[in-house]
Structure formats: C-alpha cells, structure tokens
Protein backbone atom coordinates (compact mmCIF):
# COMPACT_ATOMS: atom_id res chain seq x y z
CA MET A 1 -19.34 -10.34 -11.58
CA ILE A 2 -16.93 -10.41 -8.74
CA LEU A 3 -15.35 -13.55 -7.29
CA LYS A 4 -14.37 -12.98 -3.67
CA VAL A 5 -11.64 -15.36 -2.30
CA LEU A 6 -9.08 -15.55 0.42
CA GLU A 7 -5.27 -16.03 0.11
CA HIS A 8 -4.27 -19.64 -0.37
CA GLN A 9 -7.90 -20.58 -1.46
CA LYS A 10 -7.95 -22.83 -4.60
CA ILE A 11 -9.71 -21.26 -7.67
CA HIS A 12 -10.82 -24.03 -10.22
CA ILE A 13 -10.21 -23.43 -13.98
CA ARG A 14 -12.89 -25.03 -16.16
CA LYS A 15 -14.47 -24.32 -19.52
CA ASN A 16 -17.34 -22.21 -18.02
CA ARG A 17 -17.31 -19.76 -15.14
CA ASP A 18 -19.23 -20.64 -11.88
CA LEU A 19 -18.41 -18.28 -9.08
CA ASN A 20 -20.59 -20.13 -6.48
CA LYS A 21 -18.20 -23.02 -6.98
CA LEU A 22 -15.01 -20.92 -6.97
CA GLN A 23 -14.69 -21.74 -10.62
CA ILE A 24 -13.44 -19.48 -13.35
CA SER A 25 -13.13 -19.91 -17.10
CA TYR A 26 -10.01 -20.34 -19.22
CA SER A 27 -10.34 -16.70 -20.40
CA ASP A 28 -10.70 -15.40 -16.87
CA ALA A 29 -7.45 -17.40 -15.95
CA GLU A 30 -5.67 -15.69 -18.77
CA ILE A 31 -6.55 -12.29 -17.33
CA ILE A 32 -5.12 -13.36 -13.92
CA LYS A 33 -1.99 -14.75 -15.68
CA ALA A 34 -1.28 -11.45 -17.39
CA VAL A 35 -1.44 -9.69 -14.14
CA ASP A 36 0.58 -12.48 -12.49
CA GLN A 37 3.44 -12.12 -14.97
CA LYS A 38 3.81 -8.44 -14.61
CA ASN A 39 3.93 -8.53 -10.88
CA GLY A 40 6.57 -11.38 -10.73
CA PHE A 41 4.35 -14.45 -10.48
CA ILE A 42 2.35 -13.88 -7.29
CA PHE A 43 -0.02 -16.89 -7.96
CA LYS A 44 0.55 -20.47 -7.58
CA TRP A 45 -0.63 -22.47 -10.70
CA GLY A 46 -1.77 -26.01 -11.26
CA ASN A 47 -3.13 -27.83 -14.34
CA ASP A 48 -6.71 -26.80 -13.52
CA TYR A 49 -6.43 -24.36 -10.52
CA VAL A 50 -4.70 -21.29 -9.35
CA ILE A 51 -4.12 -20.11 -5.84
CA PRO A 52 -3.56 -16.52 -4.80
CA GLN A 53 -0.55 -15.93 -2.55
CA GLN A 54 0.73 -12.99 -0.45
CA TRP A 55 -0.88 -10.35 -2.54
CA VAL A 56 -4.42 -8.99 -1.87
CA GLY A 57 -6.72 -6.48 -3.60
CA LEU A 58 -8.57 -6.39 -6.92
CA ILE A 59 -8.01 -7.44 -10.55
CA SER A 60 -10.76 -6.36 -12.89
CA CYS A 61 -11.53 -6.59 -16.57
CA LYS A 62 -14.81 -5.68 -18.52
CA ASP A 63 -17.14 -8.44 -17.13
CA PHE A 64 -15.01 -10.21 -14.65
CA SER A 65 -13.30 -9.16 -11.38
CA ILE A 66 -11.57 -11.06 -8.59
CA GLU A 67 -11.14 -9.62 -5.02
CA ILE A 68 -8.61 -11.29 -2.83
CA PHE A 69 -8.59 -10.82 0.93
CA PRO A 70 -5.86 -11.70 3.40
CA LYS A 71 -5.99 -15.08 5.18
CA ILE A 72 -6.11 -13.89 8.73
CA SER A 73 -7.10 -17.27 10.32
CA ASP A 74 -8.13 -20.86 9.44
CA ILE A 75 -11.72 -19.75 9.14
CA ASN A 76 -13.16 -18.29 5.86
CA GLU A 77 -14.17 -14.82 7.24
CA VAL A 78 -14.30 -12.45 4.25
CA GLU A 79 -15.92 -9.54 5.91
CA LYS A 80 -13.48 -9.74 9.03
CA SER A 81 -10.46 -10.09 6.77
CA CYS A 82 -11.54 -6.99 4.87
CA GLU A 83 -12.07 -4.91 8.06
CA ILE A 84 -8.68 -6.03 9.39
CA LEU A 85 -6.86 -5.23 6.14
CA TYR A 86 -8.39 -1.74 6.24
CA LYS A 87 -7.36 -1.15 9.84
CA MET A 88 -3.78 -2.00 8.75
CA LEU A 89 -3.81 0.35 5.83
CA GLU A 90 -5.17 3.06 8.08
CA VAL A 91 -2.45 2.71 10.68
CA VAL A 92 0.51 2.15 8.14
CA TYR A 93 -0.49 5.07 5.91
CA ASP A 94 -1.70 7.27 8.76
CA VAL A 95 -5.02 8.01 7.11
CA PRO A 96 -8.52 7.72 8.60
CA ILE A 97 -10.73 5.35 6.55
CA LYS A 98 -14.22 6.00 7.63
CA ASN A 99 -16.96 4.82 5.52
CA GLY A 100 -18.54 1.37 5.72
CA ILE A 101 -15.91 -0.39 7.70
CA ASN A 102 -18.23 -1.76 10.46
CA ALA A 103 -21.17 -2.36 8.03
CA LYS A 104 -20.58 -5.96 7.20
CA ALA A 105 -23.37 -6.13 4.62
CA LYS A 106 -21.82 -3.13 2.84
CA LEU A 107 -18.56 -4.85 2.89
CA ILE A 108 -19.81 -7.96 1.28
CA GLN A 109 -22.05 -6.18 -1.15
CA ASN A 110 -19.49 -3.46 -2.44
CA GLY A 111 -16.13 -5.03 -1.81
CA LEU A 112 -12.95 -3.80 -0.51
CA ILE A 113 -11.88 -1.56 -3.41
CA GLU A 114 -15.22 0.13 -3.84
CA ILE A 115 -15.16 1.17 -0.07
CA PHE A 116 -11.72 2.62 -0.55
CA ILE A 117 -13.00 4.60 -3.54
CA THR A 118 -16.11 5.68 -1.78
CA ASN A 119 -13.92 7.03 1.19
CA TYR A 120 -11.68 8.84 -1.24
CA ILE A 121 -14.52 10.46 -3.07
CA GLU A 122 -15.92 11.77 0.33
CA TYR A 123 -12.57 13.60 0.86
CA VAL A 124 -12.58 15.09 -2.60
CA LYS A 125 -16.06 16.41 -1.97
CA LYS A 126 -14.97 18.05 1.17
CA TYR A 127 -11.97 19.45 -0.53
CA ILE A 128 -13.91 21.06 -3.33
CA GLN A 129 -16.56 22.48 -0.97
CA SER A 130 -13.86 24.12 1.11
CA GLY A 131 -12.17 25.56 -1.97
CA PRO A 132 -9.54 23.90 -4.09
CA ILE A 133 -5.79 24.99 -3.76
CA LEU A 134 -5.03 27.82 -6.29
CA ASP A 135 -1.63 28.90 -7.17
CA TYR A 136 -0.52 32.28 -8.83
CA LYS A 137 0.72 31.69 -12.36
CA LYS A 138 2.53 34.31 -14.63
CA ASN A 139 1.02 34.62 -18.03
CA ILE A 140 2.37 36.43 -21.06
CA LYS A 141 -0.11 37.08 -23.80
CA ASN A 142 -1.10 39.42 -26.72
CA LEU A 143 -4.35 41.08 -25.44
CA LYS A 144 -6.77 43.80 -26.92
CA ALA A 145 -6.75 45.45 -23.51
CA VAL A 146 -3.99 46.06 -20.95
CA LYS A 147 -3.79 43.63 -18.20
CA GLY A 148 -1.10 43.61 -15.71
CA ASN A 149 2.19 45.24 -17.09
CA ILE A 150 3.08 45.88 -20.73
CA ILE A 151 6.24 44.17 -21.86
CA PHE A 152 7.63 46.95 -23.98
CA SER A 153 10.44 45.08 -25.79
CA ALA A 154 7.83 42.31 -26.77
CA GLN A 155 5.36 45.15 -27.69
CA ILE A 156 7.82 46.58 -30.05
CA ASN A 157 8.58 43.26 -31.69
CA HIS A 158 4.94 41.98 -32.01
CA ASN A 159 2.78 45.14 -32.08
CA ALA A 160 4.77 47.74 -33.75
CA ILE A 161 2.23 47.96 -36.64
CA ASN A 162 -0.86 46.73 -34.80
CA LEU A 163 -1.43 49.27 -32.10
CA THR A 164 -4.63 47.69 -30.99
CA LYS A 165 -2.86 44.89 -29.10
CA PHE A 166 -0.62 44.83 -26.13
CA MET A 167 1.90 42.37 -24.97
CA CYS A 168 1.13 42.02 -21.28
CA LYS A 169 2.48 40.07 -18.29
CA TYR A 170 0.01 39.28 -15.58
CA SER A 171 -0.66 36.87 -12.81
CA LYS A 172 -3.85 34.96 -12.24
CA MET A 173 -5.06 32.29 -9.76
CA ASP A 174 -4.85 28.82 -11.33
CA MET A 175 -5.94 25.24 -10.22
CA ASP A 176 -3.32 23.56 -12.26
CA ASN A 177 -0.82 22.61 -9.62
CA LYS A 178 0.59 19.38 -8.37
CA TYR A 179 -1.91 18.86 -5.53
CA ASN A 180 -4.88 19.15 -7.94
CA GLN A 181 -2.92 16.97 -10.59
CA ILE A 182 -2.56 14.04 -8.22
CA ILE A 183 -6.22 14.20 -7.35
CA LYS A 184 -7.37 14.28 -10.90
CA LEU A 185 -4.96 11.40 -11.74
CA THR A 186 -6.28 9.34 -8.85
CA LEU A 187 -10.01 10.06 -9.79
CA VAL A 188 -9.30 9.02 -13.42
CA LYS A 189 -7.65 5.75 -12.45
CA MET A 190 -10.44 5.04 -9.86
CA ARG A 191 -13.11 5.59 -12.67
CA ASN A 192 -11.32 2.87 -14.69
CA LEU A 193 -11.07 0.57 -11.80
CA SER A 194 -14.54 0.89 -10.21
CA ARG A 195 -17.31 -1.41 -11.13
CA ASN A 196 -20.02 0.43 -9.00
CA ASN A 197 -22.27 2.58 -11.19
CA LYS A 198 -22.91 5.08 -8.41
CA ASN A 199 -19.20 5.68 -7.65
CA LYS A 200 -18.30 5.96 -11.39
CA LYS A 201 -21.19 8.68 -11.77
CA ILE A 202 -19.86 10.66 -8.80
CA ILE A 203 -16.32 10.52 -10.01
CA GLN A 204 -17.42 11.80 -13.36
CA GLU A 205 -19.16 14.76 -11.60
CA LEU A 206 -16.13 15.42 -9.51
CA LEU A 207 -13.73 15.49 -12.51
CA GLN A 208 -15.76 18.41 -13.92
CA ALA A 209 -14.22 20.61 -11.12
CA PHE A 210 -10.82 19.71 -12.36
CA ASP A 211 -11.49 20.55 -16.01
CA SER A 212 -8.67 23.27 -16.09
CA VAL A 213 -6.12 20.83 -14.46
CA LYS A 214 -3.70 18.89 -16.67
CA LEU A 215 -4.15 15.10 -16.60
CA ASN A 216 -0.37 14.37 -15.94
CA ILE A 217 0.11 10.64 -16.34
CA ASN A 218 3.92 11.02 -15.63
CA LEU A 219 3.35 13.03 -12.54
CA ASP A 220 5.98 12.37 -9.85
CA TYR A 221 3.38 11.71 -7.27
CA LYS A 222 5.80 10.05 -4.78
CA ASN A 223 7.53 13.23 -4.20
CA ILE A 224 4.51 15.40 -3.52
CA HIS A 225 4.83 16.64 0.07
CA VAL A 226 2.11 18.66 2.02
CA ASP A 227 3.52 21.62 3.85
CA LYS A 228 1.96 23.41 6.82
CA THR A 229 0.17 25.90 4.51
CA HIS A 230 -1.71 23.04 2.65
CA TYR A 231 -1.97 20.61 5.73
CA ARG A 232 -5.68 20.08 5.15
CA LEU A 233 -4.65 18.03 2.00
CA LYS A 234 -2.60 15.52 3.99
CA ASP A 235 -5.08 12.69 4.12
CA ILE A 236 -6.26 13.11 0.54
CA ILE A 237 -2.73 13.19 -0.86
CA THR A 238 -1.64 10.15 1.29
CA LEU A 239 -4.69 8.17 -0.04
CA SER A 240 -3.91 9.24 -3.59
CA GLN A 241 -0.22 7.99 -3.10
CA LEU A 242 -1.39 4.67 -1.53
CA PHE A 243 -3.73 4.05 -4.44
CA LEU A 244 -1.33 5.03 -7.24
CA ASP A 245 1.56 3.06 -5.66
CA ASN A 246 -0.49 -0.20 -6.02
CA TYR A 247 -2.45 0.49 -9.08
CA SER A 248 -1.57 -1.02 -12.50
CA ALA A 249 -3.45 -0.39 -15.81
CA SER A 250 -0.86 -1.11 -18.55
CA LEU A 251 -2.27 -4.53 -19.54
CA THR A 252 -4.66 -5.51 -22.26
CA TYR A 253 -6.54 -8.78 -22.92
CA GLY A 254 -8.01 -9.00 -26.42
CA ASN A 255 -10.05 -5.66 -26.78
CA TYR A 256 -10.20 -4.97 -22.98
CA ASN A 257 -7.87 -3.27 -20.52
CA ILE A 258 -7.07 -5.05 -17.34
CA VAL A 259 -6.66 -2.86 -14.21
CA SER A 260 -5.68 -4.00 -10.76
CA LEU A 261 -4.96 -2.55 -7.28
CA LEU A 262 -2.90 -5.09 -5.28
CA PHE A 263 -1.20 -4.84 -1.84
CA ASP A 264 1.77 -7.11 -0.76
CA MET A 265 0.84 -8.56 2.53
CA ASN A 266 4.49 -9.16 3.37
CA LYS A 267 5.22 -5.53 3.20
CA LEU A 268 1.95 -4.37 4.78
CA PHE A 269 2.33 -6.81 7.78
CA GLU A 270 6.03 -5.60 8.20
CA LYS A 271 5.10 -1.91 8.15
CA TYR A 272 2.14 -2.41 10.53
CA ILE A 273 4.39 -4.19 13.20
CA TYR A 274 6.92 -1.47 12.81
CA THR A 275 4.36 1.30 13.17
CA GLN A 276 3.06 -0.20 16.39
CA LEU A 277 6.51 -0.85 17.86
CA LYS A 278 7.49 2.81 17.02
CA LYS A 279 4.71 3.89 19.50
CA ILE A 280 6.52 1.95 22.25
CA TYR A 281 10.25 2.45 21.45
CA LYS A 282 10.29 5.62 19.52
CA GLN A 283 13.63 6.66 18.08
CA ASN A 284 15.18 3.42 19.52
CA ILE A 285 13.76 1.38 16.71
CA CYS A 286 15.16 1.54 13.01
CA TYR A 287 13.18 0.41 10.10
CA GLN A 288 15.16 -1.79 7.50
CA TYR A 289 18.63 -1.17 9.16
CA SER A 290 21.15 -1.75 6.36
CA LYS A 291 24.60 -0.74 7.64
CA GLU A 292 26.19 -4.15 7.79
CA PHE A 293 27.45 -6.82 5.21
CA LEU A 294 27.65 -10.48 5.65
CA LEU A 295 30.78 -11.00 3.43
CA LYS A 296 33.97 -9.25 2.61
CA ASP A 297 36.16 -10.09 -0.42
CA VAL A 298 39.64 -11.20 0.86
CA LYS A 299 41.52 -9.49 -2.06
CA THR A 300 39.69 -6.38 -2.53
CA GLY A 301 38.16 -5.81 0.86
CA ILE A 302 34.75 -4.96 -0.86
CA LYS A 303 31.82 -5.82 1.25
CA LYS A 304 29.05 -7.90 -0.27
CA VAL A 305 25.53 -9.24 0.77
CA ASN A 306 23.87 -6.37 2.62
CA LEU A 307 22.10 -7.39 5.73
CA LYS A 308 18.73 -5.70 6.01
CA PRO A 309 16.53 -6.77 8.90
CA ASP A 310 12.92 -5.38 8.98
CA MET A 311 13.59 -3.82 12.38
CA TYR A 312 16.60 -3.11 14.64
CA LEU A 313 15.88 -2.38 18.16
CA LYS A 314 18.51 -0.63 20.26
CA LEU A 315 18.20 -1.26 23.98
CA GLU A 316 20.40 -0.19 26.92
CA ASN A 317 22.58 -3.33 27.13
CA PHE A 318 22.12 -4.99 23.78
CA ASN A 319 20.18 -4.91 20.42
CA ILE A 320 17.44 -6.97 19.08
CA VAL A 321 16.55 -7.86 15.51
CA ILE A 322 12.85 -8.02 14.73
CA ASP A 323 11.73 -9.66 11.55
CA THR A 324 8.18 -10.35 10.34
CA LYS A 325 7.03 -13.10 7.95
CA TRP A 326 3.63 -13.26 6.44
CA LYS A 327 3.60 -17.10 6.42
CA ARG A 328 1.21 -19.74 7.65
CA MET A 329 2.84 -21.68 10.54
CA ASP A 330 1.39 -25.10 10.77
CA ASN A 331 3.48 -26.27 13.64
CA THR A 332 5.44 -24.84 16.41
CA SER A 333 8.85 -24.91 14.75
CA ILE A 334 10.69 -22.21 12.69
CA LYS A 335 11.01 -22.13 8.97
CA GLU A 336 14.53 -23.34 7.91
CA SER A 337 15.13 -20.30 5.67
CA ASP A 338 14.07 -18.12 8.57
CA ALA A 339 16.61 -19.71 10.84
CA TYR A 340 19.61 -19.26 8.42
CA GLN A 341 18.58 -15.54 7.95
CA MET A 342 18.54 -14.91 11.71
CA ASN A 343 21.79 -16.76 12.17
CA ALA A 344 23.43 -14.31 9.73
CA TYR A 345 22.00 -11.24 11.62
CA LEU A 346 23.31 -12.67 15.09
CA SER A 347 26.71 -13.42 13.50
CA VAL A 348 27.38 -9.99 12.12
CA LEU A 349 25.17 -7.28 13.78
CA ASN A 350 27.22 -5.75 16.69
CA ASN A 351 25.91 -6.56 20.34
CA THR A 352 22.86 -8.34 18.86
CA LYS A 353 21.76 -11.05 21.31
CA LYS A 354 18.31 -11.80 20.11
CA CYS A 355 16.31 -12.23 16.91
CA ILE A 356 12.43 -12.13 17.15
CA VAL A 357 10.56 -13.63 14.20
CA ILE A 358 6.83 -12.57 14.22
CA TYR A 359 4.35 -14.60 12.26
CA PRO A 360 0.49 -13.96 12.00
CA GLN A 361 -1.28 -16.22 14.29
CA SER A 362 -3.72 -18.96 13.10
CA TYR A 363 -5.73 -21.42 15.05
CA ASN A 364 -3.05 -24.10 14.57
CA ASN A 365 -0.46 -22.02 16.41
CA VAL A 366 -2.25 -20.20 19.22
CA GLU A 367 0.33 -17.60 20.79
CA LEU A 368 3.29 -19.46 19.26
CA ASN A 369 6.21 -18.81 21.73
CA ASN A 370 9.44 -20.71 21.07
CA SER A 371 13.13 -20.00 21.87
CA PHE A 372 16.20 -21.46 20.05
CA VAL A 373 19.84 -21.26 20.80
CA ILE A 374 22.17 -21.49 17.83
CA ARG A 375 24.73 -24.20 18.26
CA ASN A 376 28.48 -23.33 18.46
CA MET A 377 27.66 -19.69 19.28
CA GLU A 378 27.50 -17.76 22.54
CA ARG A 379 24.68 -19.22 24.80
CA ASP A 380 22.90 -15.83 24.91
CA LYS A 381 22.33 -15.77 21.10
CA ILE A 382 18.62 -16.54 20.90
CA ILE A 383 16.06 -16.84 18.18
CA ASN A 384 12.51 -16.27 19.37
CA THR A 385 9.39 -17.19 17.26
CA LYS A 386 6.26 -15.33 18.08
CA THR A 387 2.60 -14.92 16.69
CA VAL A 388 0.27 -12.04 16.86
CA ASP A 389 -3.46 -12.41 16.64
CA LEU A 390 -4.70 -9.84 13.87
CA HIS A 391 -8.23 -10.26 15.29
CA LEU A 392 -7.11 -7.89 18.06
CA LEU A 393 -7.28 -5.05 15.55
CA LEU A 394 -10.97 -5.11 15.65
CA ASP A 395 -10.87 -3.75 19.26
CA LYS A 396 -11.90 -0.24 19.61
CA ASN A 397 -8.20 0.57 20.44
CA ASN A 398 -4.93 -1.44 19.87
CA ASP A 399 -4.01 -1.69 23.55
CA ARG A 400 -4.12 -5.53 23.62
CA PHE A 401 -2.16 -5.86 20.37
CA ILE A 402 0.53 -3.34 21.48
CA GLU A 403 0.94 -5.10 24.80
CA ARG A 404 1.40 -8.27 22.98
CA LEU A 405 4.21 -6.84 20.97
CA ARG A 406 5.79 -5.26 24.08
CA SER A 407 5.84 -8.68 25.69
CA PHE A 408 8.02 -10.00 22.89
CA VAL A 409 10.84 -7.65 23.88
CA VAL A 410 10.57 -7.99 27.67
CA GLY A 411 10.07 -11.59 27.64
CA GLU A 412 6.79 -11.63 29.35
CA GLN A 413 3.46 -12.96 28.17
CA ALA A 414 0.75 -10.23 27.75
C-alpha cells in the first residue's frame, strides 16, 4: 500500500490506516519517525499528525510505503510534480530519464521510484546486451596442466614431490571490477526498495549476469569515474551514484527492514538553478564560492564564519551573489533570515553590489520581483527577490525558463 502526498500536506495519525483520508496508523508513524531521526528530523510532528518538509522520495517497509512529491504550486498536482522532479534530476545529474515520464497514468500507478528503477533496468539490459566491461586479472594457481607461465620458485616450494601439478601465473578476463560492482550494488538495493513484482523479477534475472562479481557493500562508489575508454557507462554510473547517494537501508522496525530513497529539495533546487545559469554565464559563475569569512579574531587574526553563497557571478564591472531558497513565499516580502544572510554577503564580498534570492513560484506570488536597499550602506547595495515558475520545465525545451533566469541579472522582465 502506497500513500502519495505532497510536501507540507498534513498526514493524520490514528489507530487504523485509511490512505483515502491521508490517515496512517501509529505503527506507520513509527516507521516514518525512525527515518526522520536518522536524517536529522525532516518532518514536522504534531499530536495527531505529521507533515513532510523539504525532502521528497520514498519510505518503504513490508506492507506500507509513503511517496512524497515536491510542492510545486498551490494545486495538488501529483503527476505534474513527479514529472517536474524528474526533469530536475535529469538536468542536475546530466542523465536522460526516458521511460514513462509523459505517461500520467503510469506515473500515478507505479510511482516516482518505480519509474526510476524501470529506467535503470533498461540501461542495465542494454549494457549486458552490448557486452559488460571485462578486466584482465592476474591469477596464481596450482594446476594440473600448464597455463600461462610456470613460477619456478613456487614450483620448487610446492610441487617438489608432486610433479603432476604446476604453479602457474596467468591472466584472464574478469567481470569483477569497480564498474560491475557498482551496478550489482545498485541492483541489489533497488530489489530491496522496489514494491513492483515485475521490476523485482527483472532485477533478479539481471543479477544472474553478475554472479561472478563481488557484492561490495563498502564500495567507494562516489569516486568511480568513467574514462573515455568506458564512456558508454557514463549514464548508468551516474544513475547508480544518484541512487546510492540518497538510499538508506540501515533501519529496522520490529522484524522489518525500512528502506528509503529521499532527495533534499533545497539542494536539488539550488543545483538546478546553477546548472541552468552555467549555460548562460559559463566560467563566470562559481558554485558555493567559499573564499571569504565574516569575522576575524582581534587577538589571533584567525578568520571565522565562512561565507558560502550558493552562486557567485563575476560580471565585468561588479559581482552578484545568487542564492536559492526552497521556501513557500506567502507574501511579497523577504524572509528575515534571508535578509540577514544577504547583508553579510554584501558587507564582506569584494565588489559585490547585488544579491538575488530565488524562490519557487506559487500562485500567491506570481513572478515575485522586489528590490531592497540595506540602510546605512552604499545606495547601490541591493537585494532582489525573484521567483521562478517550475511549470516551465514541462516545455519541450527550457528556453522560457532560462530567459527568466537571465532577466534576473540584466534587470529586465522576460
């Protein structure tokens, strides 16, 4: 049973589960609480309710799953939210996600994560059909027949009496390499997460092709890079890293394992905006610029409080800080905490005359476009608040969305 909800949507906690009423049981709530505690409390809790915030994805146990979609607008549009989320993942991680994105019925029926898994399965199928990556591995074995070269020193030590065996050193093609290990690890974890019988069956069949590959649960998957020789693996490795980065399976509830795949919308929104601005401004825009500090100890001279804006844009005459906030703006003002943060950037970062704070657009703040001057500072120190309509991602191309971002910097409306 899968409960599908949006961010900020209240889920009621009662004695019995009733998904039609957005109602879960006390034991269901304990499952969510276990995941919540591990991830640093990402849900808002009340006496008889829980509200998902900021994180989207899937939490799954034996007979209960909850799938959380981003709150893109003020209208409950689960299928559109799913589609937009996938578009963002596709751009941020530079991977084509092909299957089922435009099929709304399929989105509702199978859910966000199952489509992700289905997409990954297709890549693995094609990879196996085209021939998996093999590496030469050196083997030293005591054999009944000569294979490769005889190691004479080892031959004397081991087979001085038994002349029917030979200590041989030889090479053979082997599937057990880092590329196949990350694919096997991803398939095993997807099998644990999936609740779709068809997907689970296909995964089990695919795993048979990786029987000779070690299941390395401690694999340093983040540092697996694809060189030009193995470039055909780029997409599948990127998808594997995306999945493993957000997957968690070290929790239990009673006799059941709890598995989850959760994405931080703050980070995803930030990286998406940066990726699109990078198309416009190329090397002039820096991501998470962190060379300046807010404070300096008077006695020791040690710098403290590292300033780290999301983006730092270097223009010909001055620089601009661009920060993103995955927050619901219910009016046309600026959040107090955001104003203090932008004030610090404008005070310290050299030749910075403007901060732009970008929020997702809702129907309460259609194309929010405000400018503020900080008192007691130079008159050209400005904070702009802007919104972007993520529904523009549903266009065939991103031209309108990119032009909207461009307008923030040049000061013209798209």
